[in-house]
Amino acid sequence: MTLELILVAARSFLFVFFTMLPILNPAATAPIFLSMTEGALPATRIMLARRIALNMFWLMTGSMLVGSYVLDFFGISLPIVRIGGGLILASVAWRLLGATPATQDSRAALAEAFTPDQARRQAFYPLTFPISCGPASISVAITVGVTLHDVKLVVSAARMGAALFALAVIGVLLYLAFRYGEHFLRLIGEAGTAVFLRLTAFILLCLGVQIVWDGVRELLMELIAISSPAMLQAALRSWHDGAATVLR
């Protein structure tokens, strides 16, 4: 049982890590952070990087853990959430696969509206939301949280623990990318960033399709479970009518 839980946790960690990392994408948001904090003291940038990473972690954790209960409150079924969230995930991945510099320019246009002094005072908005993690990230986090649920409490706890660990790792990467952004971007270069984005976007697209298929399969199973008694009754009625005709 322990080995099984370890394997479940490992799969959940990889699933959450490779799903959320391309969405949050610290490598792409680091230049925006640097431009918004241009001229700031190194201590100020370190403080902002730490605070943004913590804000991202708690925002994604809340969406992942509580989001499904909010959906239950509004009466939205889990298969529908999987299909909707999977479509969002796949569409984001598709945009990442065909991303151009114009996409980053749109973010830069938003960032230019804030001076470095305002960015230092507003670590949550806009540095955390929507630049570091936006509505798409929150939607995907809710979908991931729903996907990790299991009927067995121990399995759910193992999956959620691994998911939180994956978010913590992404938070550390976000902190490092923001704190050492200049060195990080110089290290991987434009070509390395492009290759990284394409590979992770393709993995993200595959994960989105898988989530959609899981939701469709659950809907089909529910439809079969609902229609099977009616079909059985119709078949029995037809057999009974046929037998009565033969006996006559």
Protein backbone atom coordinates (compact mmCIF):
# COMPACT_ATOMS: atom_id res chain seq x y z
CA MET A 1 0.00 0.00 0.00
CA THR A 2 2.87 2.38 0.82
CA LEU A 3 4.52 1.81 -2.56
CA GLU A 4 1.19 2.38 -4.28
CA LEU A 5 0.71 5.69 -2.48
CA ILE A 6 4.24 6.75 -3.41
CA LEU A 7 3.52 6.03 -7.07
CA VAL A 8 0.21 7.89 -6.86
CA ALA A 9 1.92 10.87 -5.26
CA ALA A 10 4.70 10.84 -7.85
CA ARG A 11 2.22 10.81 -10.74
CA SER A 12 0.23 13.61 -9.14
CA PHE A 13 3.37 15.68 -8.62
CA LEU A 14 4.38 15.32 -12.27
CA PHE A 15 0.82 15.99 -13.44
CA VAL A 16 0.47 19.21 -11.43
CA PHE A 17 4.00 20.36 -12.15
CA PHE A 18 3.83 19.96 -15.93
CA THR A 19 0.26 21.32 -16.02
CA MET A 20 0.75 24.48 -13.96
CA LEU A 21 4.32 25.39 -14.91
CA PRO A 22 3.55 26.28 -18.57
CA ILE A 23 0.53 28.31 -17.43
CA LEU A 24 2.38 30.27 -14.74
CA ASN A 25 5.55 30.35 -16.88
CA PRO A 26 8.09 32.19 -14.67
CA ALA A 27 10.54 32.50 -17.58
CA ALA A 28 8.03 34.55 -19.59
CA THR A 29 6.91 36.78 -16.72
CA ALA A 30 10.43 37.50 -15.42
CA PRO A 31 11.13 40.20 -18.05
CA ILE A 32 7.90 41.95 -17.12
CA PHE A 33 8.87 41.85 -13.46
CA LEU A 34 12.29 43.29 -14.28
CA SER A 35 10.80 46.09 -16.35
CA MET A 36 8.30 47.02 -13.63
CA THR A 37 10.97 47.08 -10.93
CA GLU A 38 13.64 48.83 -13.00
CA GLY A 39 15.68 51.10 -10.78
CA ALA A 40 14.58 49.38 -7.57
CA LEU A 41 17.09 48.39 -4.91
CA PRO A 42 18.19 44.73 -4.87
CA ALA A 43 16.57 44.29 -1.45
CA THR A 44 13.28 45.57 -2.85
CA ARG A 45 13.39 43.10 -5.75
CA ILE A 46 14.16 40.23 -3.36
CA MET A 47 11.23 41.21 -1.13
CA LEU A 48 8.90 41.48 -4.12
CA ALA A 49 10.03 38.14 -5.57
CA ARG A 50 9.43 36.39 -2.25
CA ARG A 51 6.02 37.99 -1.76
CA ILE A 52 4.85 37.27 -5.31
CA ALA A 53 5.90 33.61 -4.99
CA LEU A 54 3.97 33.28 -1.73
CA ASN A 55 0.92 35.00 -3.19
CA MET A 56 0.98 32.67 -6.17
CA PHE A 57 1.26 29.58 -3.96
CA TRP A 58 -1.67 30.53 -1.72
CA LEU A 59 -3.82 31.66 -4.61
CA MET A 60 -3.27 28.41 -6.53
CA THR A 61 -3.64 26.32 -3.37
CA GLY A 62 -6.96 27.93 -2.51
CA SER A 63 -8.24 27.43 -6.04
CA MET A 64 -7.14 23.79 -6.04
CA LEU A 65 -8.50 22.86 -2.60
CA VAL A 66 -11.63 24.99 -2.22
CA GLY A 67 -12.60 25.53 -5.85
CA SER A 68 -14.36 22.18 -6.19
CA TYR A 69 -16.53 22.86 -3.12
CA VAL A 70 -17.51 26.20 -4.58
CA LEU A 71 -18.55 24.40 -7.74
CA ASP A 72 -20.56 21.89 -5.70
CA PHE A 73 -22.31 24.80 -4.01
CA PHE A 74 -23.43 26.06 -7.41
CA GLY A 75 -24.44 22.57 -8.53
CA ILE A 76 -21.87 22.12 -11.30
CA SER A 77 -20.99 18.47 -11.94
CA LEU A 78 -17.40 17.30 -11.95
CA PRO A 79 -17.42 15.88 -15.51
CA ILE A 80 -18.55 19.26 -16.84
CA VAL A 81 -15.73 20.93 -14.91
CA ARG A 82 -13.23 18.48 -16.39
CA ILE A 83 -14.47 19.11 -19.91
CA GLY A 84 -14.55 22.90 -19.51
CA GLY A 85 -11.22 23.08 -17.74
CA GLY A 86 -9.62 20.66 -20.18
CA LEU A 87 -10.79 22.79 -23.10
CA ILE A 88 -9.32 25.87 -21.41
CA LEU A 89 -6.08 23.99 -20.81
CA ALA A 90 -5.90 22.78 -24.40
CA SER A 91 -6.72 26.23 -25.79
CA VAL A 92 -4.00 27.85 -23.67
CA ALA A 93 -1.54 25.19 -24.82
CA TRP A 94 -2.53 25.80 -28.44
CA ARG A 95 -1.88 29.52 -28.03
CA LEU A 96 1.48 28.76 -26.42
CA LEU A 97 2.41 26.51 -29.34
CA GLY A 98 1.78 29.36 -31.75
CA ALA A 99 2.94 32.15 -29.46
CA THR A 100 4.71 35.13 -31.00
CA PRO A 101 6.53 38.10 -29.45
CA ALA A 102 3.28 40.02 -29.78
CA THR A 103 1.83 38.01 -26.88
CA GLN A 104 4.57 39.22 -24.56
CA ASP A 105 4.18 42.76 -25.92
CA SER A 106 0.57 42.74 -24.75
CA ARG A 107 1.75 41.90 -21.25
CA ALA A 108 4.41 44.56 -21.48
CA ALA A 109 1.77 47.12 -22.42
CA LEU A 110 -0.08 46.29 -19.23
CA ALA A 111 3.12 46.49 -17.20
CA GLU A 112 4.08 49.91 -18.60
CA ALA A 113 1.01 51.43 -16.96
CA PHE A 114 2.64 50.95 -13.55
CA THR A 115 5.75 52.75 -12.31
CA PRO A 116 8.37 50.91 -10.23
CA ASP A 117 7.15 52.68 -7.08
CA GLN A 118 3.60 51.50 -7.67
CA ALA A 119 4.82 47.95 -8.38
CA ARG A 120 6.64 47.89 -5.04
CA ARG A 121 3.49 48.96 -3.21
CA GLN A 122 1.25 46.58 -5.14
CA ALA A 123 2.91 43.17 -4.89
CA PHE A 124 -0.39 41.33 -5.35
CA TYR A 125 -1.93 43.44 -8.08
CA PRO A 126 -0.73 43.51 -10.78
CA LEU A 127 2.57 41.69 -10.12
CA THR A 128 0.89 38.54 -8.79
CA PHE A 129 -2.51 38.89 -10.46
CA PRO A 130 -2.87 39.01 -13.41
CA ILE A 131 0.78 39.10 -14.59
CA SER A 132 2.17 36.11 -12.66
CA CYS A 133 -1.06 34.09 -12.51
CA GLY A 134 -4.27 35.12 -14.22
CA PRO A 135 -7.83 33.78 -14.60
CA ALA A 136 -6.64 30.93 -16.83
CA SER A 137 -4.27 29.74 -14.11
CA ILE A 138 -7.05 29.82 -11.52
CA SER A 139 -9.43 27.91 -13.81
CA VAL A 140 -6.81 25.26 -14.52
CA ALA A 141 -5.99 24.98 -10.80
CA ILE A 142 -9.66 24.32 -10.01
CA THR A 143 -9.79 21.68 -12.73
CA VAL A 144 -6.61 20.04 -11.48
CA GLY A 145 -8.00 19.96 -7.94
CA VAL A 146 -11.17 18.26 -9.16
CA THR A 147 -9.14 15.75 -11.17
CA LEU A 148 -7.06 14.78 -8.13
CA HIS A 149 -10.09 13.90 -6.01
CA ASP A 150 -10.59 10.19 -5.26
CA VAL A 151 -13.17 8.17 -3.39
CA LYS A 152 -10.43 6.92 -1.06
CA LEU A 153 -9.41 9.55 1.47
CA VAL A 154 -5.83 8.29 1.70
CA VAL A 155 -5.36 8.48 -2.08
CA SER A 156 -6.84 11.99 -2.17
CA ALA A 157 -4.55 13.10 0.65
CA ALA A 158 -1.51 11.69 -1.16
CA ARG A 159 -2.49 13.38 -4.42
CA MET A 160 -3.17 16.73 -2.78
CA GLY A 161 0.04 16.61 -0.78
CA ALA A 162 2.03 15.96 -3.94
CA ALA A 163 0.12 18.75 -5.70
CA LEU A 164 0.96 21.24 -2.97
CA PHE A 165 4.60 20.17 -3.15
CA ALA A 166 4.54 20.75 -6.91
CA LEU A 167 3.09 24.24 -6.36
CA ALA A 168 5.82 24.92 -3.80
CA VAL A 169 8.49 23.88 -6.31
CA ILE A 170 6.92 26.16 -8.92
CA GLY A 171 6.88 28.93 -6.33
CA VAL A 172 10.60 28.45 -5.74
CA LEU A 173 11.22 28.56 -9.50
CA LEU A 174 9.14 31.74 -9.72
CA TYR A 175 11.14 33.29 -6.89
CA LEU A 176 14.45 32.34 -8.49
CA ALA A 177 13.35 33.57 -11.92
CA PHE A 178 12.32 36.95 -10.50
CA ARG A 179 15.31 37.34 -8.18
CA TYR A 180 17.92 36.19 -10.70
CA GLY A 181 15.93 37.10 -13.79
CA GLU A 182 18.75 38.79 -15.64
CA HIS A 183 21.15 35.87 -15.18
CA PHE A 184 18.41 33.32 -15.91
CA LEU A 185 17.40 34.89 -19.20
CA ARG A 186 21.01 35.32 -20.24
CA LEU A 187 21.64 31.65 -19.47
CA ILE A 188 18.84 30.07 -21.52
CA GLY A 189 18.72 32.76 -24.22
CA GLU A 190 15.88 33.45 -26.62
CA ALA A 191 16.31 30.14 -28.47
CA GLY A 192 16.27 28.13 -25.23
CA THR A 193 13.18 29.93 -24.02
CA ALA A 194 11.39 29.22 -27.32
CA VAL A 195 12.27 25.51 -27.19
CA PHE A 196 11.20 25.27 -23.54
CA LEU A 197 7.86 26.90 -24.26
CA ARG A 198 7.12 24.64 -27.25
CA LEU A 199 7.93 21.41 -25.40
CA THR A 200 5.95 22.29 -22.30
CA ALA A 201 3.05 23.58 -24.41
CA PHE A 202 2.82 20.26 -26.25
CA ILE A 203 2.77 18.36 -22.95
CA LEU A 204 0.11 20.77 -21.72
CA LEU A 205 -1.98 20.18 -24.84
CA CYS A 206 -1.86 16.42 -24.30
CA LEU A 207 -2.87 16.84 -20.65
CA GLY A 208 -5.79 19.06 -21.67
CA VAL A 209 -7.06 16.48 -24.15
CA GLN A 210 -6.73 13.77 -21.50
CA ILE A 211 -8.79 15.81 -19.01
CA VAL A 212 -11.48 16.41 -21.65
CA TRP A 213 -11.60 12.69 -22.43
CA ASP A 214 -11.95 11.83 -18.73
CA GLY A 215 -14.93 14.17 -18.47
CA VAL A 216 -16.56 12.84 -21.64
CA ARG A 217 -16.06 9.26 -20.47
CA GLU A 218 -17.72 10.01 -17.12
CA LEU A 219 -20.67 11.64 -18.88
CA LEU A 220 -21.02 8.63 -21.16
CA MET A 221 -20.91 6.28 -18.18
CA GLU A 222 -23.60 8.30 -16.43
CA LEU A 223 -25.71 8.31 -19.59
CA ILE A 224 -25.37 4.54 -19.96
CA ALA A 225 -26.24 4.03 -16.30
CA ILE A 226 -29.36 6.16 -16.68
CA SER A 227 -30.51 4.71 -20.00
CA SER A 228 -29.75 1.04 -19.26
CA PRO A 229 -32.79 0.41 -16.99
CA ALA A 230 -35.11 2.03 -19.53
CA MET A 231 -33.59 0.01 -22.38
CA LEU A 232 -33.91 -3.18 -20.31
CA GLN A 233 -37.53 -2.48 -19.57
CA ALA A 234 -38.23 -1.79 -23.24
CA ALA A 235 -36.51 -5.04 -24.25
CA LEU A 236 -38.50 -7.02 -21.67
CA ARG A 237 -41.72 -5.40 -22.82
CA SER A 238 -40.93 -6.23 -26.43
CA TRP A 239 -40.08 -9.83 -25.51
CA HIS A 240 -43.27 -10.15 -23.49
CA ASP A 241 -45.39 -8.81 -26.35
CA GLY A 242 -43.69 -11.16 -28.81
CA ALA A 243 -44.21 -14.16 -26.56
CA ALA A 244 -47.85 -13.27 -26.08
CA THR A 245 -48.34 -13.07 -29.84
CA VAL A 246 -46.76 -16.50 -30.34
CA LEU A 247 -48.92 -18.05 -27.64
CA ARG A 248 -52.02 -16.70 -29.28
